[in-house]
Amino acid sequence: MRERPASSVGRARPVHPLAWIWEPLETDPTFVLRAMFGAKAVYLGGKMMLCCCAGEEPWRGLLVCTDRTRHPALQADFPALVPHPVLPKWLYLPEAAASFERDATRLAALARARDPRLGIVPGTRKKPRTKPAKPAVAPRPSARAGKSRPPRSSHP
């Protein structure tokens, strides 16, 4: 276990302002919460379902992890959802939307119910590409086996 620096002992960690969205999901045995680019990603059943962002626009609200084929069906039920301006493969519910609290609560309930319109299977992390190791080369036998070579001089 990592030791905390003495300066952080006894200090309360700030609560994420959108924690109320994922708190009802924490009782699900498959619930996982991961940090992702300054946001909190909610996983259920191994799928990334929602991403709670508390930064500056366009990273202030709820990202709904889905694919583009499911956008129309979700937008029909949640008119405030729009494709995210940076990640258009996901839908975005801005915190500034009048229906934010109601819609975020309903989307969390859909995630808990495993609505097939929500969730993506995260890709596997690729290891950094490295150059293939050079095969070990055995020293070539000298044409003058048994004879030693004179040292090379640096003069021509």
N, C-alpha and C. Protein backbone atom coordinates (compact mmCIF):
# COMPACT_ATOMS: atom_id res chain seq x y z
N MET A 1 0.83 -1.16 0.00
CA MET A 1 0.00 0.00 0.00
C MET A 1 0.89 1.24 0.00
N ARG A 2 0.52 2.24 -0.81
CA ARG A 2 1.30 3.46 -0.89
C ARG A 2 1.13 4.28 0.38
N GLU A 3 2.23 4.84 0.85
CA GLU A 3 2.14 5.73 1.99
C GLU A 3 1.81 7.12 1.50
N ARG A 4 1.00 7.80 2.26
CA ARG A 4 0.65 9.17 1.90
C ARG A 4 1.71 10.12 2.47
N PRO A 5 1.97 11.19 1.75
CA PRO A 5 2.89 12.19 2.31
C PRO A 5 2.31 12.76 3.59
N ALA A 6 3.16 13.14 4.50
CA ALA A 6 2.71 13.66 5.79
C ALA A 6 1.80 14.86 5.62
N SER A 7 2.00 15.64 4.57
CA SER A 7 1.18 16.84 4.38
C SER A 7 -0.27 16.52 4.04
N SER A 8 -0.55 15.30 3.57
CA SER A 8 -1.92 14.96 3.19
C SER A 8 -2.65 14.18 4.28
N VAL A 9 -1.94 13.77 5.33
CA VAL A 9 -2.56 13.01 6.40
C VAL A 9 -3.53 13.92 7.16
N GLY A 10 -4.75 13.43 7.34
CA GLY A 10 -5.75 14.17 8.10
C GLY A 10 -6.52 15.18 7.27
N ARG A 11 -6.15 15.35 6.00
CA ARG A 11 -6.87 16.29 5.15
C ARG A 11 -7.96 15.56 4.40
N ALA A 12 -9.12 16.18 4.35
CA ALA A 12 -10.25 15.57 3.65
C ALA A 12 -10.06 15.73 2.14
N ARG A 13 -10.39 14.69 1.41
CA ARG A 13 -10.36 14.77 -0.04
C ARG A 13 -11.62 15.47 -0.52
N PRO A 14 -11.47 16.31 -1.53
CA PRO A 14 -12.68 16.98 -2.02
C PRO A 14 -13.62 15.98 -2.67
N VAL A 15 -14.90 16.20 -2.46
CA VAL A 15 -15.91 15.32 -3.05
C VAL A 15 -16.18 15.80 -4.47
N HIS A 16 -16.24 14.86 -5.40
CA HIS A 16 -16.54 15.21 -6.79
C HIS A 16 -17.95 15.80 -6.83
N PRO A 17 -18.13 16.93 -7.52
CA PRO A 17 -19.46 17.56 -7.51
C PRO A 17 -20.56 16.73 -8.16
N LEU A 18 -20.21 15.73 -8.96
CA LEU A 18 -21.23 14.89 -9.59
C LEU A 18 -21.28 13.48 -8.99
N ALA A 19 -20.71 13.31 -7.82
CA ALA A 19 -20.70 11.99 -7.18
C ALA A 19 -22.11 11.46 -6.95
N TRP A 20 -23.08 12.33 -6.79
CA TRP A 20 -24.46 11.90 -6.56
C TRP A 20 -25.00 11.06 -7.74
N ILE A 21 -24.38 11.20 -8.91
CA ILE A 21 -24.84 10.42 -10.06
C ILE A 21 -24.46 8.95 -9.90
N TRP A 22 -23.21 8.69 -9.50
CA TRP A 22 -22.77 7.29 -9.41
C TRP A 22 -23.00 6.65 -8.05
N GLU A 23 -23.27 7.43 -7.01
CA GLU A 23 -23.45 6.83 -5.69
C GLU A 23 -24.53 5.75 -5.64
N PRO A 24 -25.69 5.90 -6.31
CA PRO A 24 -26.68 4.82 -6.27
C PRO A 24 -26.20 3.54 -6.97
N LEU A 25 -25.17 3.64 -7.80
CA LEU A 25 -24.66 2.47 -8.53
C LEU A 25 -23.60 1.71 -7.76
N GLU A 26 -23.08 2.30 -6.68
CA GLU A 26 -21.98 1.70 -5.94
C GLU A 26 -22.33 0.35 -5.32
N THR A 27 -23.61 0.07 -5.11
CA THR A 27 -24.00 -1.21 -4.51
C THR A 27 -23.99 -2.35 -5.53
N ASP A 28 -23.92 -2.02 -6.80
CA ASP A 28 -23.84 -3.06 -7.84
C ASP A 28 -22.50 -3.78 -7.68
N PRO A 29 -22.49 -5.11 -7.62
CA PRO A 29 -21.24 -5.83 -7.40
C PRO A 29 -20.20 -5.64 -8.52
N THR A 30 -20.64 -5.19 -9.68
CA THR A 30 -19.70 -5.01 -10.78
C THR A 30 -19.27 -3.55 -10.94
N PHE A 31 -19.69 -2.69 -10.03
CA PHE A 31 -19.38 -1.26 -10.10
C PHE A 31 -17.88 -1.02 -9.95
N VAL A 32 -17.35 -0.21 -10.85
CA VAL A 32 -15.96 0.25 -10.77
C VAL A 32 -15.97 1.72 -11.16
N LEU A 33 -15.22 2.52 -10.41
CA LEU A 33 -15.06 3.94 -10.70
C LEU A 33 -13.60 4.19 -10.98
N ARG A 34 -13.30 4.77 -12.13
CA ARG A 34 -11.91 5.04 -12.51
C ARG A 34 -11.75 6.50 -12.90
N ALA A 35 -10.59 7.02 -12.58
CA ALA A 35 -10.25 8.37 -13.03
C ALA A 35 -9.91 8.31 -14.51
N MET A 36 -10.40 9.29 -15.25
CA MET A 36 -10.14 9.33 -16.69
C MET A 36 -10.03 10.78 -17.12
N PHE A 37 -8.83 11.25 -17.38
CA PHE A 37 -8.60 12.60 -17.88
C PHE A 37 -9.28 13.66 -17.02
N GLY A 38 -9.16 13.55 -15.72
CA GLY A 38 -9.76 14.52 -14.83
C GLY A 38 -11.24 14.30 -14.58
N ALA A 39 -11.79 13.25 -15.12
CA ALA A 39 -13.20 12.93 -14.93
C ALA A 39 -13.28 11.59 -14.18
N LYS A 40 -14.49 11.15 -13.89
CA LYS A 40 -14.71 9.86 -13.25
C LYS A 40 -15.56 8.99 -14.18
N ALA A 41 -15.00 7.86 -14.58
CA ALA A 41 -15.69 6.94 -15.46
C ALA A 41 -16.35 5.84 -14.64
N VAL A 42 -17.62 5.58 -14.94
CA VAL A 42 -18.41 4.57 -14.23
C VAL A 42 -18.50 3.33 -15.11
N TYR A 43 -18.07 2.20 -14.55
CA TYR A 43 -18.13 0.91 -15.23
C TYR A 43 -19.12 0.02 -14.50
N LEU A 44 -19.94 -0.68 -15.27
CA LEU A 44 -20.84 -1.70 -14.73
C LEU A 44 -20.74 -2.92 -15.63
N GLY A 45 -20.54 -4.06 -15.05
CA GLY A 45 -20.46 -5.28 -15.84
C GLY A 45 -19.32 -5.25 -16.85
N GLY A 46 -18.25 -4.53 -16.55
CA GLY A 46 -17.11 -4.46 -17.46
C GLY A 46 -17.26 -3.44 -18.58
N LYS A 47 -18.40 -2.77 -18.65
CA LYS A 47 -18.62 -1.76 -19.68
C LYS A 47 -18.53 -0.36 -19.08
N MET A 48 -17.91 0.54 -19.83
CA MET A 48 -17.90 1.94 -19.42
C MET A 48 -19.26 2.51 -19.81
N MET A 49 -19.99 3.00 -18.82
CA MET A 49 -21.36 3.45 -19.03
C MET A 49 -21.48 4.98 -19.07
N LEU A 50 -20.92 5.62 -18.08
CA LEU A 50 -21.06 7.06 -17.93
C LEU A 50 -19.71 7.65 -17.54
N CYS A 51 -19.56 8.93 -17.82
CA CYS A 51 -18.35 9.63 -17.43
C CYS A 51 -18.76 10.99 -16.89
N CYS A 52 -18.45 11.23 -15.63
CA CYS A 52 -18.84 12.47 -14.95
C CYS A 52 -17.69 13.46 -15.01
N CYS A 53 -17.96 14.61 -15.63
CA CYS A 53 -16.92 15.62 -15.85
C CYS A 53 -17.27 16.89 -15.08
N ALA A 54 -16.29 17.42 -14.36
CA ALA A 54 -16.53 18.63 -13.56
C ALA A 54 -15.54 19.74 -13.92
N GLY A 55 -15.10 19.77 -15.17
CA GLY A 55 -14.17 20.80 -15.60
C GLY A 55 -14.89 21.97 -16.23
N GLU A 56 -14.22 22.59 -17.18
CA GLU A 56 -14.81 23.69 -17.92
C GLU A 56 -15.50 23.13 -19.16
N GLU A 57 -16.47 23.86 -19.69
CA GLU A 57 -17.14 23.42 -20.91
C GLU A 57 -16.11 23.20 -22.00
N PRO A 58 -16.21 22.16 -22.76
CA PRO A 58 -17.29 21.17 -22.86
C PRO A 58 -17.07 19.94 -21.99
N TRP A 59 -16.40 20.10 -20.87
CA TRP A 59 -16.12 18.99 -19.97
C TRP A 59 -16.80 19.21 -18.62
N ARG A 60 -18.04 19.68 -18.66
CA ARG A 60 -18.80 19.93 -17.44
C ARG A 60 -20.19 19.35 -17.62
N GLY A 61 -20.33 18.12 -17.19
CA GLY A 61 -21.62 17.44 -17.33
C GLY A 61 -21.42 15.94 -17.35
N LEU A 62 -22.29 15.27 -18.06
CA LEU A 62 -22.29 13.80 -18.10
C LEU A 62 -22.09 13.32 -19.53
N LEU A 63 -21.08 12.49 -19.71
CA LEU A 63 -20.87 11.83 -20.99
C LEU A 63 -21.55 10.47 -20.93
N VAL A 64 -22.31 10.15 -21.96
CA VAL A 64 -22.98 8.86 -22.06
C VAL A 64 -22.19 8.04 -23.06
N CYS A 65 -21.58 6.99 -22.58
CA CYS A 65 -20.72 6.15 -23.42
C CYS A 65 -21.60 5.22 -24.26
N THR A 66 -21.59 5.45 -25.54
CA THR A 66 -22.43 4.69 -26.45
C THR A 66 -21.82 4.79 -27.84
N ASP A 67 -22.42 4.13 -28.81
CA ASP A 67 -21.94 4.30 -30.18
C ASP A 67 -22.94 5.11 -30.97
N ARG A 68 -22.50 5.60 -32.10
CA ARG A 68 -23.32 6.53 -32.89
C ARG A 68 -24.65 5.92 -33.36
N THR A 69 -24.70 4.62 -33.53
CA THR A 69 -25.95 4.00 -34.01
C THR A 69 -27.06 4.11 -32.97
N ARG A 70 -26.69 4.32 -31.71
CA ARG A 70 -27.69 4.39 -30.64
C ARG A 70 -28.05 5.83 -30.26
N HIS A 71 -27.39 6.80 -30.87
CA HIS A 71 -27.67 8.20 -30.55
C HIS A 71 -29.14 8.59 -30.75
N PRO A 72 -29.73 8.29 -31.93
CA PRO A 72 -31.11 8.74 -32.13
C PRO A 72 -32.09 8.22 -31.08
N ALA A 73 -31.96 6.97 -30.69
CA ALA A 73 -32.89 6.40 -29.70
C ALA A 73 -32.73 7.09 -28.34
N LEU A 74 -31.51 7.36 -27.94
CA LEU A 74 -31.29 8.04 -26.66
C LEU A 74 -31.73 9.50 -26.72
N GLN A 75 -31.47 10.16 -27.84
CA GLN A 75 -31.86 11.56 -27.97
C GLN A 75 -33.38 11.72 -28.03
N ALA A 76 -34.07 10.70 -28.51
CA ALA A 76 -35.54 10.75 -28.50
C ALA A 76 -36.06 10.76 -27.06
N ASP A 77 -35.40 10.02 -26.18
CA ASP A 77 -35.82 9.96 -24.77
C ASP A 77 -35.25 11.11 -23.94
N PHE A 78 -34.11 11.64 -24.37
CA PHE A 78 -33.42 12.71 -23.63
C PHE A 78 -33.04 13.82 -24.62
N PRO A 79 -33.94 14.73 -24.89
CA PRO A 79 -33.68 15.78 -25.88
C PRO A 79 -32.47 16.67 -25.57
N ALA A 80 -32.05 16.74 -24.32
CA ALA A 80 -30.91 17.59 -23.96
C ALA A 80 -29.57 16.95 -24.34
N LEU A 81 -29.58 15.65 -24.69
CA LEU A 81 -28.34 14.98 -25.09
C LEU A 81 -27.91 15.46 -26.47
N VAL A 82 -26.62 15.78 -26.59
CA VAL A 82 -26.04 16.19 -27.87
C VAL A 82 -24.72 15.45 -28.04
N PRO A 83 -24.28 15.23 -29.29
CA PRO A 83 -22.95 14.65 -29.46
C PRO A 83 -21.90 15.58 -28.83
N HIS A 84 -20.97 15.01 -28.14
CA HIS A 84 -19.94 15.82 -27.49
C HIS A 84 -19.09 16.50 -28.56
N PRO A 85 -18.75 17.78 -28.40
CA PRO A 85 -18.01 18.49 -29.43
C PRO A 85 -16.59 17.97 -29.66
N VAL A 86 -15.99 17.31 -28.67
CA VAL A 86 -14.63 16.77 -28.83
C VAL A 86 -14.68 15.26 -29.08
N LEU A 87 -15.58 14.57 -28.41
CA LEU A 87 -15.75 13.12 -28.56
C LEU A 87 -17.14 12.84 -29.12
N PRO A 88 -17.37 13.10 -30.39
CA PRO A 88 -18.73 12.97 -30.92
C PRO A 88 -19.28 11.54 -30.94
N LYS A 89 -18.44 10.56 -30.66
CA LYS A 89 -18.96 9.19 -30.59
C LYS A 89 -19.81 9.00 -29.33
N TRP A 90 -19.65 9.90 -28.36
CA TRP A 90 -20.43 9.84 -27.13
C TRP A 90 -21.39 11.01 -27.06
N LEU A 91 -22.48 10.80 -26.32
CA LEU A 91 -23.46 11.86 -26.12
C LEU A 91 -23.10 12.63 -24.84
N TYR A 92 -23.51 13.87 -24.82
CA TYR A 92 -23.14 14.77 -23.73
C TYR A 92 -24.38 15.45 -23.18
N LEU A 93 -24.51 15.41 -21.88
CA LEU A 93 -25.57 16.11 -21.17
C LEU A 93 -24.89 17.24 -20.39
N PRO A 94 -24.96 18.47 -20.91
CA PRO A 94 -24.29 19.57 -20.21
C PRO A 94 -24.94 19.86 -18.87
N GLU A 95 -24.12 20.18 -17.90
CA GLU A 95 -24.65 20.49 -16.57
C GLU A 95 -25.55 21.73 -16.63
N ALA A 96 -25.35 22.57 -17.61
CA ALA A 96 -26.17 23.79 -17.76
C ALA A 96 -27.57 23.50 -18.28
N ALA A 97 -27.84 22.27 -18.75
CA ALA A 97 -29.17 21.94 -19.26
C ALA A 97 -30.20 22.01 -18.13
N ALA A 98 -31.36 22.55 -18.43
CA ALA A 98 -32.43 22.68 -17.43
C ALA A 98 -32.84 21.33 -16.85
N SER A 99 -32.73 20.28 -17.65
CA SER A 99 -33.15 18.94 -17.22
C SER A 99 -31.99 18.09 -16.71
N PHE A 100 -30.85 18.71 -16.40
CA PHE A 100 -29.64 17.94 -16.06
C PHE A 100 -29.87 16.95 -14.93
N GLU A 101 -30.33 17.39 -13.80
CA GLU A 101 -30.47 16.49 -12.64
C GLU A 101 -31.44 15.35 -12.93
N ARG A 102 -32.58 15.68 -13.50
CA ARG A 102 -33.58 14.64 -13.81
C ARG A 102 -33.01 13.65 -14.83
N ASP A 103 -32.41 14.17 -15.91
CA ASP A 103 -31.88 13.29 -16.96
C ASP A 103 -30.70 12.46 -16.46
N ALA A 104 -29.81 13.05 -15.67
CA ALA A 104 -28.66 12.30 -15.15
C ALA A 104 -29.12 11.17 -14.25
N THR A 105 -30.13 11.43 -13.43
CA THR A 105 -30.68 10.39 -12.55
C THR A 105 -31.28 9.26 -13.37
N ARG A 106 -32.03 9.62 -14.40
CA ARG A 106 -32.65 8.59 -15.27
C ARG A 106 -31.59 7.80 -16.03
N LEU A 107 -30.54 8.48 -16.51
CA LEU A 107 -29.47 7.78 -17.25
C LEU A 107 -28.73 6.81 -16.33
N ALA A 108 -28.50 7.20 -15.07
CA ALA A 108 -27.86 6.29 -14.12
C ALA A 108 -28.75 5.07 -13.87
N ALA A 109 -30.06 5.28 -13.81
CA ALA A 109 -31.00 4.16 -13.63
C ALA A 109 -30.96 3.23 -14.85
N LEU A 110 -30.86 3.80 -16.05
CA LEU A 110 -30.74 2.97 -17.25
C LEU A 110 -29.44 2.17 -17.24
N ALA A 111 -28.37 2.79 -16.78
CA ALA A 111 -27.09 2.08 -16.69
C ALA A 111 -27.21 0.91 -15.72
N ARG A 112 -27.84 1.15 -14.57
CA ARG A 112 -28.03 0.09 -13.58
C ARG A 112 -28.85 -1.06 -14.15
N ALA A 113 -29.85 -0.71 -14.98
CA ALA A 113 -30.72 -1.73 -15.59
C ALA A 113 -30.07 -2.38 -16.81
N ARG A 114 -28.84 -1.95 -17.14
CA ARG A 114 -28.09 -2.48 -18.29
C ARG A 114 -28.83 -2.24 -19.61
N ASP A 115 -29.38 -1.05 -19.78
CA ASP A 115 -30.03 -0.68 -21.04
C ASP A 115 -29.02 -0.90 -22.17
N PRO A 116 -29.37 -1.65 -23.22
CA PRO A 116 -28.41 -1.97 -24.28
C PRO A 116 -27.94 -0.76 -25.07
N ARG A 117 -28.60 0.38 -24.93
CA ARG A 117 -28.16 1.59 -25.63
C ARG A 117 -26.96 2.22 -24.96
N LEU A 118 -26.69 1.86 -23.73
CA LEU A 118 -25.59 2.44 -22.97
C LEU A 118 -24.45 1.45 -22.84
N GLY A 119 -23.26 1.99 -22.80
CA GLY A 119 -22.08 1.19 -22.49
C GLY A 119 -21.24 0.82 -23.69
N ILE A 120 -19.96 0.86 -23.46
CA ILE A 120 -18.99 0.40 -24.46
C ILE A 120 -18.01 -0.52 -23.77
N VAL A 121 -17.49 -1.46 -24.50
CA VAL A 121 -16.44 -2.32 -23.97
C VAL A 121 -15.13 -1.59 -24.23
N PRO A 122 -14.43 -1.22 -23.17
CA PRO A 122 -13.20 -0.47 -23.38
C PRO A 122 -12.17 -1.31 -24.13
N GLY A 123 -11.41 -0.64 -24.97
CA GLY A 123 -10.36 -1.33 -25.71
C GLY A 123 -9.23 -1.71 -24.77
N THR A 124 -8.46 -2.68 -25.18
CA THR A 124 -7.32 -3.06 -24.37
C THR A 124 -6.23 -2.02 -24.55
N ARG A 125 -5.51 -1.78 -23.51
CA ARG A 125 -4.42 -0.81 -23.59
C ARG A 125 -3.27 -1.44 -24.36
N LYS A 126 -2.79 -0.67 -25.31
CA LYS A 126 -1.68 -1.16 -26.11
C LYS A 126 -0.38 -0.79 -25.42
N LYS A 127 0.54 -1.75 -25.39
CA LYS A 127 1.84 -1.47 -24.83
C LYS A 127 2.62 -0.65 -25.85
N PRO A 128 3.51 0.20 -25.38
CA PRO A 128 4.29 0.98 -26.32
C PRO A 128 5.07 0.06 -27.25
N ARG A 129 5.08 0.44 -28.50
CA ARG A 129 5.76 -0.39 -29.49
C ARG A 129 7.26 -0.26 -29.29
N THR A 130 7.90 -1.40 -29.19
CA THR A 130 9.35 -1.41 -29.04
C THR A 130 9.98 -2.08 -30.24
N LYS A 131 11.22 -1.74 -30.46
CA LYS A 131 11.93 -2.37 -31.56
C LYS A 131 12.19 -3.82 -31.20
N PRO A 132 12.08 -4.72 -32.20
CA PRO A 132 12.36 -6.12 -31.87
C PRO A 132 13.83 -6.29 -31.49
N ALA A 133 14.07 -7.16 -30.57
CA ALA A 133 15.44 -7.40 -30.12
C ALA A 133 16.25 -8.00 -31.27
N LYS A 134 17.48 -7.51 -31.36
CA LYS A 134 18.35 -8.06 -32.40
C LYS A 134 18.81 -9.43 -31.95
N PRO A 135 18.82 -10.39 -32.90
CA PRO A 135 19.27 -11.72 -32.50
C PRO A 135 20.75 -11.68 -32.16
N ALA A 136 21.10 -12.48 -31.18
CA ALA A 136 22.52 -12.55 -30.79
C ALA A 136 23.31 -13.14 -31.95
N VAL A 137 24.41 -12.49 -32.28
CA VAL A 137 25.24 -12.94 -33.39
C VAL A 137 26.48 -13.60 -32.81
N ALA A 138 26.71 -14.81 -33.23
CA ALA A 138 27.91 -15.52 -32.78
C ALA A 138 29.10 -14.95 -33.52
N PRO A 139 30.24 -14.82 -32.86
CA PRO A 139 31.42 -14.29 -33.54
C PRO A 139 31.81 -15.21 -34.68
N ARG A 140 32.19 -14.57 -35.79
CA ARG A 140 32.62 -15.38 -36.94
C ARG A 140 34.01 -15.93 -36.68
N PRO A 141 34.21 -17.15 -37.11
CA PRO A 141 35.57 -17.69 -36.94
C PRO A 141 36.53 -16.95 -37.87
N SER A 142 37.70 -16.72 -37.39
CA SER A 142 38.70 -16.00 -38.15
C SER A 142 39.23 -16.87 -39.28
N ALA A 143 39.55 -16.24 -40.39
CA ALA A 143 40.13 -17.00 -41.51
C ALA A 143 41.49 -17.52 -41.13
N ARG A 144 42.12 -16.81 -40.23
CA ARG A 144 43.43 -17.25 -39.77
C ARG A 144 43.28 -17.87 -38.39
N ALA A 145 42.58 -18.94 -38.31
CA ALA A 145 42.29 -19.57 -37.02
C ALA A 145 43.59 -19.85 -36.29
N GLY A 146 43.56 -19.51 -35.03
CA GLY A 146 44.72 -19.77 -34.21
C GLY A 146 45.75 -18.66 -34.28
N LYS A 147 45.70 -17.82 -35.29
CA LYS A 147 46.66 -16.73 -35.40
C LYS A 147 46.02 -15.47 -34.82
N SER A 148 46.80 -14.73 -34.13
CA SER A 148 46.27 -13.49 -33.57
C SER A 148 46.45 -12.36 -34.56
N ARG A 149 45.57 -11.42 -34.52
CA ARG A 149 45.66 -10.27 -35.41
C ARG A 149 46.46 -9.18 -34.72
N PRO A 150 47.19 -8.46 -35.50
CA PRO A 150 47.91 -7.34 -34.89
C PRO A 150 46.89 -6.23 -34.57
N PRO A 151 47.18 -5.45 -33.55
CA PRO A 151 46.25 -4.37 -33.20
C PRO A 151 46.16 -3.37 -34.35
N ARG A 152 44.96 -2.85 -34.55
CA ARG A 152 44.77 -1.85 -35.59
C ARG A 152 45.29 -0.51 -35.11
N SER A 153 45.94 0.17 -36.00
CA SER A 153 46.39 1.50 -35.64
C SER A 153 45.42 2.51 -36.19
N SER A 154 45.42 3.69 -35.59
CA SER A 154 44.51 4.71 -36.05
C SER A 154 45.09 5.49 -37.22
N HIS A 155 46.34 5.19 -37.62
CA HIS A 155 46.96 5.89 -38.75
C HIS A 155 46.81 5.05 -40.00
N PRO A 156 46.61 5.70 -41.16
CA PRO A 156 46.47 4.93 -42.40
C PRO A 156 47.76 4.36 -42.92
